Amino acid sequence: MEKKKLILAYSGGLDTSVILKWLEQKDYEVIAYVANVGQQEDFEEIRRKALKTGASKVYIEDLREEFVTDFIFPAIQGNALYEGRYLLGTSLARPVIAKKQIEIAYIEGAEYVAHGATGKGNDQVRFELTYYALNPNIQVISPWKDREFLDAFQGRTDLLNYAEKMGIPVKATLKKPYSEDENLMHISHEAGILEDPMLRPSEDLFTLTVSPKEAPDEETLIEIEFKDGIPVSVTNKSDGTVKESPLELFLYLNKLGGENGIGRVDMVENRYIGIKSRGVYETPGATILREAHLDLEGIAMDKEVMHLRNMLMPKFAELIYIGYWFSPEMDFLLSAMKKAQELISGTVTVSLYKGNI
């Protein structure tokens, strides 16, 4: 009997490695799919690990450019901010990852897709709503909501024991006492010790940004040019560096923001499924872009259009947060945001200094 073909969103971590092997044992042909959205990983090592763990094939897809142009920039156009503070780094990455997974399922003729998101968070919703929006007939396997899987793996120890039994290579590093999700827009730190809202994170938690106290005691002057609300170039006034491609421009702003201690947020937010969650975020480049964009709008935007857009923004941010990127209401809001950005063109001079913009 021919095996059922399945595309698994695979990271190479403990959870998705165990899921890959578990699905293979359930008689699926598992094709591992790894999305490069800017996380610092050795993708060739992940490919080898997936094949060794039982994947029949591995796709490694570089989605960074599409992530910037089709997701981050439209969010910047609409000044999207969830609950007044969160710049939506994880929320924006999920639909671009899930979209490519559905494309691969189509190429491979696979009827099944799977993800490793838990039943307690937002990501399960973001992945699954995108899957169903782009292919209503797709069948989704979600192990962390499967009774048999949950009975077999009640904690990290069970996962590690299974990995050892099945010969799955596991990095023997001491796991950080919190979880992280990194992409080129941000890194998030949450869960574990961070669930105590009174715990002040130590400086070694932060990886994209230096502490404002350690940042240089001199300002970095840059110019950011926008065309219809989209950043088209960044010029460093002190050393003459110019970046014009969307990805290079964004990565450069991340670098400058990180060096100047910009973009840290520590908050408790409301998840879609009704749980409060503490997130510590580092979002250097997008923080700079949002501030510069707001400044330009102050001069270039019609008053009534601005006030209407500002009324729509919280809903826009909420739809991104809860995974409704591919929905009729999002199509409507994206059209409105794009229309509001006509003629929001000009150059903003920005000073970066010790966490400030």
Protein backbone atom coordinates (compact mmCIF):
# COMPACT_ATOMS: atom_id res chain seq x y z
CA MET A 1 0.00 0.00 0.00
CA GLU A 2 1.30 3.42 -0.91
CA LYS A 3 2.15 5.66 2.02
CA LYS A 4 0.19 8.87 2.59
CA LYS A 5 2.34 11.83 1.62
CA LEU A 6 2.73 14.62 4.21
CA ILE A 7 4.60 17.94 4.29
CA LEU A 8 5.94 18.73 7.78
CA ALA A 9 7.00 22.24 8.83
CA TYR A 10 10.35 21.21 10.30
CA SER A 11 12.84 23.23 12.34
CA GLY A 12 15.36 20.58 13.34
CA GLY A 13 14.57 21.08 17.03
CA LEU A 14 13.57 18.35 19.47
CA ASP A 15 9.79 18.65 18.98
CA THR A 16 9.65 18.54 15.17
CA SER A 17 12.36 15.84 15.03
CA VAL A 18 10.28 13.61 17.30
CA ILE A 19 7.13 14.50 15.30
CA LEU A 20 8.90 13.58 12.04
CA LYS A 21 9.85 10.12 13.34
CA TRP A 22 6.43 9.59 15.00
CA LEU A 23 4.62 10.41 11.73
CA GLU A 24 6.95 8.13 9.77
CA GLN A 25 6.11 5.31 12.19
CA LYS A 26 2.43 6.05 11.55
CA ASP A 27 3.08 5.15 7.92
CA TYR A 28 3.25 8.61 6.40
CA GLU A 29 5.85 9.50 3.81
CA VAL A 30 7.20 12.63 5.50
CA ILE A 31 8.69 15.41 3.40
CA ALA A 32 10.44 17.92 5.67
CA TYR A 33 10.08 21.59 4.83
CA VAL A 34 12.39 24.17 6.39
CA ALA A 35 11.58 27.87 5.97
CA ASN A 36 14.44 30.35 6.13
CA VAL A 37 12.83 33.53 7.45
CA GLY A 38 16.11 34.92 8.78
CA GLN A 39 16.80 32.71 11.83
CA GLN A 40 20.46 31.97 12.53
CA GLU A 41 20.68 28.25 11.68
CA ASP A 42 22.91 25.82 9.83
CA PHE A 43 20.38 24.77 7.20
CA GLU A 44 22.57 22.06 5.68
CA GLU A 45 22.93 20.45 9.10
CA ILE A 46 19.12 20.57 9.48
CA ARG A 47 18.77 18.91 6.05
CA ARG A 48 21.10 16.06 7.06
CA LYS A 49 19.28 15.60 10.36
CA ALA A 50 15.85 15.45 8.67
CA LEU A 51 17.04 12.77 6.23
CA LYS A 52 18.69 10.80 9.02
CA THR A 53 15.50 11.00 11.10
CA GLY A 54 13.41 9.55 8.28
CA ALA A 55 12.33 12.28 5.87
CA SER A 56 12.04 11.09 2.27
CA LYS A 57 12.97 14.52 0.95
CA VAL A 58 13.83 17.97 2.35
CA TYR A 59 12.86 21.38 1.04
CA ILE A 60 14.85 24.38 2.33
CA GLU A 61 13.18 27.58 1.16
CA ASP A 62 14.66 31.08 1.47
CA LEU A 63 11.59 33.24 2.13
CA ARG A 64 13.38 36.30 3.50
CA GLU A 65 12.80 38.67 0.58
CA GLU A 66 9.10 37.74 0.31
CA PHE A 67 8.76 38.09 4.09
CA VAL A 68 10.03 41.68 3.92
CA THR A 69 8.21 42.88 0.79
CA ASP A 70 4.86 41.09 1.13
CA PHE A 71 4.37 40.99 4.90
CA ILE A 72 6.65 43.31 6.92
CA PHE A 73 6.38 46.34 4.62
CA PRO A 74 2.56 46.23 4.36
CA ALA A 75 2.43 46.03 8.18
CA ILE A 76 4.71 49.09 8.38
CA GLN A 77 2.45 50.90 5.89
CA GLY A 78 -0.44 50.40 8.29
CA ASN A 79 1.68 51.10 11.43
CA ALA A 80 0.49 47.75 12.82
CA LEU A 81 0.94 47.45 16.59
CA TYR A 82 -0.88 44.82 18.67
CA GLU A 83 -2.27 46.02 22.01
CA GLY A 84 -0.30 49.21 21.58
CA ARG A 85 3.13 47.60 21.92
CA TYR A 86 3.85 44.43 19.93
CA LEU A 87 5.21 44.79 16.37
CA LEU A 88 3.99 41.31 15.34
CA GLY A 89 7.29 39.68 14.34
CA THR A 90 6.12 36.08 14.83
CA SER A 91 2.58 36.78 13.59
CA LEU A 92 3.85 38.10 10.24
CA ALA A 93 6.25 35.20 9.68
CA ARG A 94 3.67 32.43 10.08
CA PRO A 95 1.54 33.11 6.97
CA VAL A 96 4.60 33.32 4.68
CA ILE A 97 5.84 29.97 6.09
CA ALA A 98 2.44 28.26 5.80
CA LYS A 99 1.85 29.64 2.28
CA LYS A 100 5.02 27.99 0.97
CA GLN A 101 4.11 24.75 2.76
CA ILE A 102 0.81 24.61 0.84
CA GLU A 103 2.70 25.34 -2.42
CA ILE A 104 5.03 22.39 -1.71
CA ALA A 105 2.05 20.15 -0.89
CA TYR A 106 0.63 21.07 -4.32
CA ILE A 107 3.95 20.34 -6.10
CA GLU A 108 4.32 17.01 -4.29
CA GLY A 109 0.66 15.99 -4.61
CA ALA A 110 0.47 15.66 -0.82
CA GLU A 111 -2.93 15.55 0.88
CA TYR A 112 -1.54 16.19 4.37
CA VAL A 113 0.41 18.95 6.11
CA ALA A 114 1.64 18.99 9.71
CA HIS A 115 3.07 21.53 12.15
CA GLY A 116 4.63 21.37 15.61
CA ALA A 117 2.71 24.22 17.28
CA THR A 118 1.17 23.49 20.67
CA GLY A 119 -2.51 23.62 21.60
CA LYS A 120 -1.88 26.54 23.98
CA GLY A 121 -0.56 29.19 21.62
CA ASN A 122 -1.41 31.36 18.65
CA ASP A 123 0.73 29.59 16.05
CA GLN A 124 -1.59 26.61 15.61
CA VAL A 125 -4.32 29.05 14.54
CA ARG A 126 -2.03 31.06 12.26
CA PHE A 127 -0.75 27.94 10.48
CA GLU A 128 -4.09 26.18 10.15
CA LEU A 129 -6.12 29.20 9.02
CA THR A 130 -3.51 29.84 6.30
CA TYR A 131 -3.56 26.18 5.22
CA TYR A 132 -7.35 26.13 4.92
CA ALA A 133 -7.59 29.56 3.30
CA LEU A 134 -5.18 28.53 0.52
CA ASN A 135 -6.39 24.92 0.17
CA PRO A 136 -9.74 24.13 1.83
CA ASN A 137 -9.29 20.42 1.06
CA ILE A 138 -5.94 20.01 2.79
CA GLN A 139 -5.83 17.66 5.79
CA VAL A 140 -3.94 18.96 8.82
CA ILE A 141 -2.09 16.77 11.31
CA SER A 142 -1.44 18.61 14.59
CA PRO A 143 0.37 16.19 16.94
CA TRP A 144 0.23 18.43 20.00
CA LYS A 145 -3.57 18.23 19.81
CA ASP A 146 -3.59 14.46 19.17
CA ARG A 147 -4.58 12.34 22.20
CA GLU A 148 -2.29 9.45 21.26
CA PHE A 149 0.71 11.79 20.84
CA LEU A 150 -0.07 13.64 24.09
CA ASP A 151 -0.32 10.36 26.02
CA ALA A 152 3.04 9.25 24.64
CA PHE A 153 4.84 12.57 25.23
CA GLN A 154 3.83 14.21 28.49
CA GLY A 155 6.95 16.32 28.83
CA ARG A 156 10.45 17.03 27.62
CA THR A 157 11.84 13.88 29.27
CA ASP A 158 9.54 11.65 27.17
CA LEU A 159 10.67 13.47 24.00
CA LEU A 160 14.35 13.03 24.90
CA ASN A 161 13.88 9.33 25.75
CA TYR A 162 12.12 8.71 22.44
CA ALA A 163 14.84 10.59 20.53
CA GLU A 164 17.52 8.43 22.18
CA LYS A 165 15.58 5.22 21.49
CA MET A 166 15.07 6.14 17.83
CA GLY A 167 18.62 7.41 17.28
CA ILE A 168 17.54 10.97 16.61
CA PRO A 169 20.52 13.30 17.11
CA VAL A 170 19.77 15.89 19.81
CA LYS A 171 22.00 18.83 20.56
CA ALA A 172 23.46 18.20 24.02
CA THR A 173 23.25 21.85 25.00
CA LEU A 174 21.62 22.98 28.22
CA LYS A 175 18.22 24.27 27.12
CA LYS A 176 17.53 27.88 27.98
CA PRO A 177 14.87 28.14 30.71
CA TYR A 178 12.55 29.94 28.26
CA SER A 179 11.59 29.50 24.59
CA GLU A 180 12.69 31.67 21.67
CA ASP A 181 11.46 32.30 18.16
CA GLU A 182 13.76 34.16 15.79
CA ASN A 183 13.28 35.58 12.32
CA LEU A 184 14.68 38.58 10.49
CA MET A 185 12.01 40.88 11.96
CA HIS A 186 12.56 40.04 15.63
CA ILE A 187 13.36 37.52 18.31
CA SER A 188 10.81 36.66 20.97
CA HIS A 189 11.56 35.20 24.40
CA GLU A 190 8.71 33.67 26.39
CA ALA A 191 7.52 30.87 28.70
CA GLY A 192 9.57 29.08 31.36
CA ILE A 193 11.10 31.46 33.89
CA LEU A 194 9.61 34.45 32.03
CA GLU A 195 6.09 33.41 33.10
CA ASP A 196 6.86 35.19 36.39
CA PRO A 197 5.99 38.78 35.43
CA MET A 198 8.14 40.11 38.29
CA LEU A 199 11.27 38.41 36.95
CA ARG A 200 13.48 41.00 35.30
CA PRO A 201 15.27 39.29 32.41
CA SER A 202 19.05 39.29 32.72
CA GLU A 203 21.12 40.97 30.03
CA ASP A 204 22.30 37.64 28.56
CA LEU A 205 18.73 36.93 27.36
CA PHE A 206 19.01 39.63 24.70
CA THR A 207 20.69 38.60 21.45
CA LEU A 208 19.76 41.20 18.78
CA THR A 209 20.19 44.38 20.83
CA VAL A 210 22.80 45.73 23.23
CA SER A 211 21.58 47.38 26.40
CA PRO A 212 21.03 51.13 25.88
CA LYS A 213 23.54 51.55 28.74
CA GLU A 214 26.18 49.80 26.63
CA ALA A 215 25.29 51.51 23.35
CA PRO A 216 27.73 54.08 21.88
CA ASP A 217 27.68 57.54 23.44
CA GLU A 218 27.23 59.16 20.04
CA GLU A 219 24.26 59.35 17.72
CA THR A 220 23.93 57.51 14.40
CA LEU A 221 22.31 59.74 11.78
CA ILE A 222 20.49 58.04 8.93
CA GLU A 223 18.10 59.02 6.15
CA ILE A 224 15.20 56.74 5.21
CA GLU A 225 13.39 57.36 1.94
CA PHE A 226 9.78 56.19 1.48
CA LYS A 227 7.71 55.88 -1.69
CA ASP A 228 3.96 55.47 -1.09
CA GLY A 229 4.69 54.39 2.48
CA ILE A 230 7.26 51.73 1.47
CA PRO A 231 10.92 52.19 2.47
CA VAL A 232 13.10 52.32 -0.66
CA SER A 233 16.51 53.37 0.66
CA VAL A 234 18.54 53.92 3.81
CA THR A 235 21.61 56.17 3.88
CA ASN A 236 24.02 56.31 6.80
CA LYS A 237 25.01 60.00 7.08
CA SER A 238 28.21 59.29 8.98
CA ASP A 239 29.87 56.68 6.74
CA GLY A 240 27.92 57.00 3.46
CA THR A 241 26.56 53.44 3.42
CA VAL A 242 23.49 53.14 1.17
CA LYS A 243 21.08 50.17 1.10
CA GLU A 244 18.28 49.98 -1.46
CA SER A 245 17.11 46.36 -1.88
CA PRO A 246 14.26 45.58 0.56
CA LEU A 247 16.05 42.73 2.33
CA GLU A 248 19.44 44.48 2.57
CA LEU A 249 17.78 47.68 3.76
CA PHE A 250 15.89 45.86 6.49
CA LEU A 251 18.89 43.83 7.66
CA TYR A 252 20.97 47.01 7.81
CA LEU A 253 18.37 48.77 9.98
CA ASN A 254 18.35 45.70 12.24
CA LYS A 255 22.12 46.03 12.61
CA LEU A 256 22.03 49.76 13.36
CA GLY A 257 19.07 49.38 15.73
CA GLY A 258 20.72 46.51 17.58
CA GLU A 259 24.00 48.41 18.01
CA ASN A 260 22.07 51.37 19.46
CA GLY A 261 19.91 49.38 21.87
CA ILE A 262 16.64 50.02 20.00
CA GLY A 263 13.53 47.86 19.88
CA ARG A 264 13.17 46.10 23.24
CA VAL A 265 9.65 45.47 24.55
CA ASP A 266 8.65 43.50 27.67
CA MET A 267 4.89 42.98 27.91
CA VAL A 268 2.03 40.67 28.85
CA GLU A 269 -0.31 40.19 25.89
CA ASN A 270 -3.64 38.47 25.28
CA ARG A 271 -3.36 35.40 23.10
CA TYR A 272 -6.16 34.57 20.68
CA ILE A 273 -7.16 31.45 22.63
CA GLY A 274 -7.68 33.27 25.93
CA ILE A 275 -4.36 32.88 27.73
CA LYS A 276 -2.25 35.82 28.88
CA SER A 277 1.37 35.47 27.80
CA ARG A 278 4.48 37.41 28.72
CA GLY A 279 6.71 38.18 25.76
CA VAL A 280 10.11 39.87 25.72
CA TYR A 281 10.74 41.09 22.20
CA GLU A 282 13.67 42.60 20.29
CA THR A 283 12.56 44.27 17.04
CA PRO A 284 15.27 46.81 16.09
CA GLY A 285 14.76 47.53 12.36
CA ALA A 286 10.96 47.57 12.33
CA THR A 287 10.90 49.89 15.36
CA ILE A 288 13.01 52.43 13.47
CA LEU A 289 10.90 52.12 10.30
CA ARG A 290 7.61 52.58 12.15
CA GLU A 291 8.80 55.76 13.90
CA ALA A 292 10.20 57.23 10.69
CA HIS A 293 7.02 56.35 8.80
CA LEU A 294 4.83 58.05 11.43
CA ASP A 295 6.94 61.20 11.14
CA LEU A 296 6.55 61.29 7.37
CA GLU A 297 2.79 60.79 7.66
CA GLY A 298 2.62 63.80 9.96
CA ILE A 299 3.59 65.98 7.00
CA ALA A 300 2.32 64.07 3.97
CA MET A 301 -0.99 62.54 5.07
CA ASP A 302 -4.48 64.01 4.87
CA LYS A 303 -5.94 64.60 8.34
CA GLU A 304 -9.26 62.77 7.87
CA VAL A 305 -7.60 59.84 6.10
CA MET A 306 -5.11 59.59 8.98
CA HIS A 307 -7.82 59.61 11.63
CA LEU A 308 -9.84 56.94 9.80
CA ARG A 309 -6.73 54.81 9.30
CA ASN A 310 -5.90 55.17 13.00
CA MET A 311 -9.34 53.79 13.85
CA LEU A 312 -8.72 50.78 11.60
CA MET A 313 -5.16 50.07 12.79
CA PRO A 314 -6.02 48.11 15.98
CA LYS A 315 -8.26 45.77 13.95
CA PHE A 316 -5.55 45.46 11.28
CA ALA A 317 -3.00 44.49 13.97
CA GLU A 318 -5.44 42.08 15.62
CA LEU A 319 -6.15 40.27 12.33
CA ILE A 320 -2.39 39.85 11.75
CA TYR A 321 -1.95 38.60 15.33
CA ILE A 322 -4.69 35.97 15.15
CA GLY A 323 -3.65 34.58 11.77
CA TYR A 324 -6.23 36.09 9.42
CA TRP A 325 -3.74 37.31 6.80
CA PHE A 326 -5.52 35.41 4.01
CA SER A 327 -9.10 36.47 4.71
CA PRO A 328 -11.69 38.75 3.06
CA GLU A 329 -11.54 41.25 5.93
CA MET A 330 -7.74 41.44 5.61
CA ASP A 331 -8.01 41.97 1.84
CA PHE A 332 -10.31 44.89 2.59
CA LEU A 333 -8.01 46.40 5.24
CA LEU A 334 -4.85 45.93 3.18
CA SER A 335 -6.54 47.73 0.28
CA ALA A 336 -7.53 50.57 2.60
CA MET A 337 -4.01 50.82 4.08
CA LYS A 338 -2.45 50.84 0.62
CA LYS A 339 -4.85 53.55 -0.58
CA ALA A 340 -4.04 55.67 2.48
CA GLN A 341 -0.33 55.45 1.60
CA GLU A 342 -0.56 57.08 -1.82
CA LEU A 343 1.80 60.11 -1.84
CA ILE A 344 3.30 59.21 1.55
CA SER A 345 6.67 59.78 -0.11
CA GLY A 346 9.73 61.62 1.16
CA THR A 347 12.90 61.33 3.19
CA VAL A 348 13.06 61.19 6.98
CA THR A 349 16.26 62.00 8.87
CA VAL A 350 16.54 59.85 11.97
CA SER A 351 18.90 59.95 14.92
CA LEU A 352 19.58 56.68 16.77
CA TYR A 353 20.94 57.09 20.26
CA LYS A 354 20.97 54.76 23.28
CA GLY A 355 17.62 53.10 22.72
CA ASN A 356 16.00 56.25 21.38
CA ILE A 357 14.86 57.20 17.87
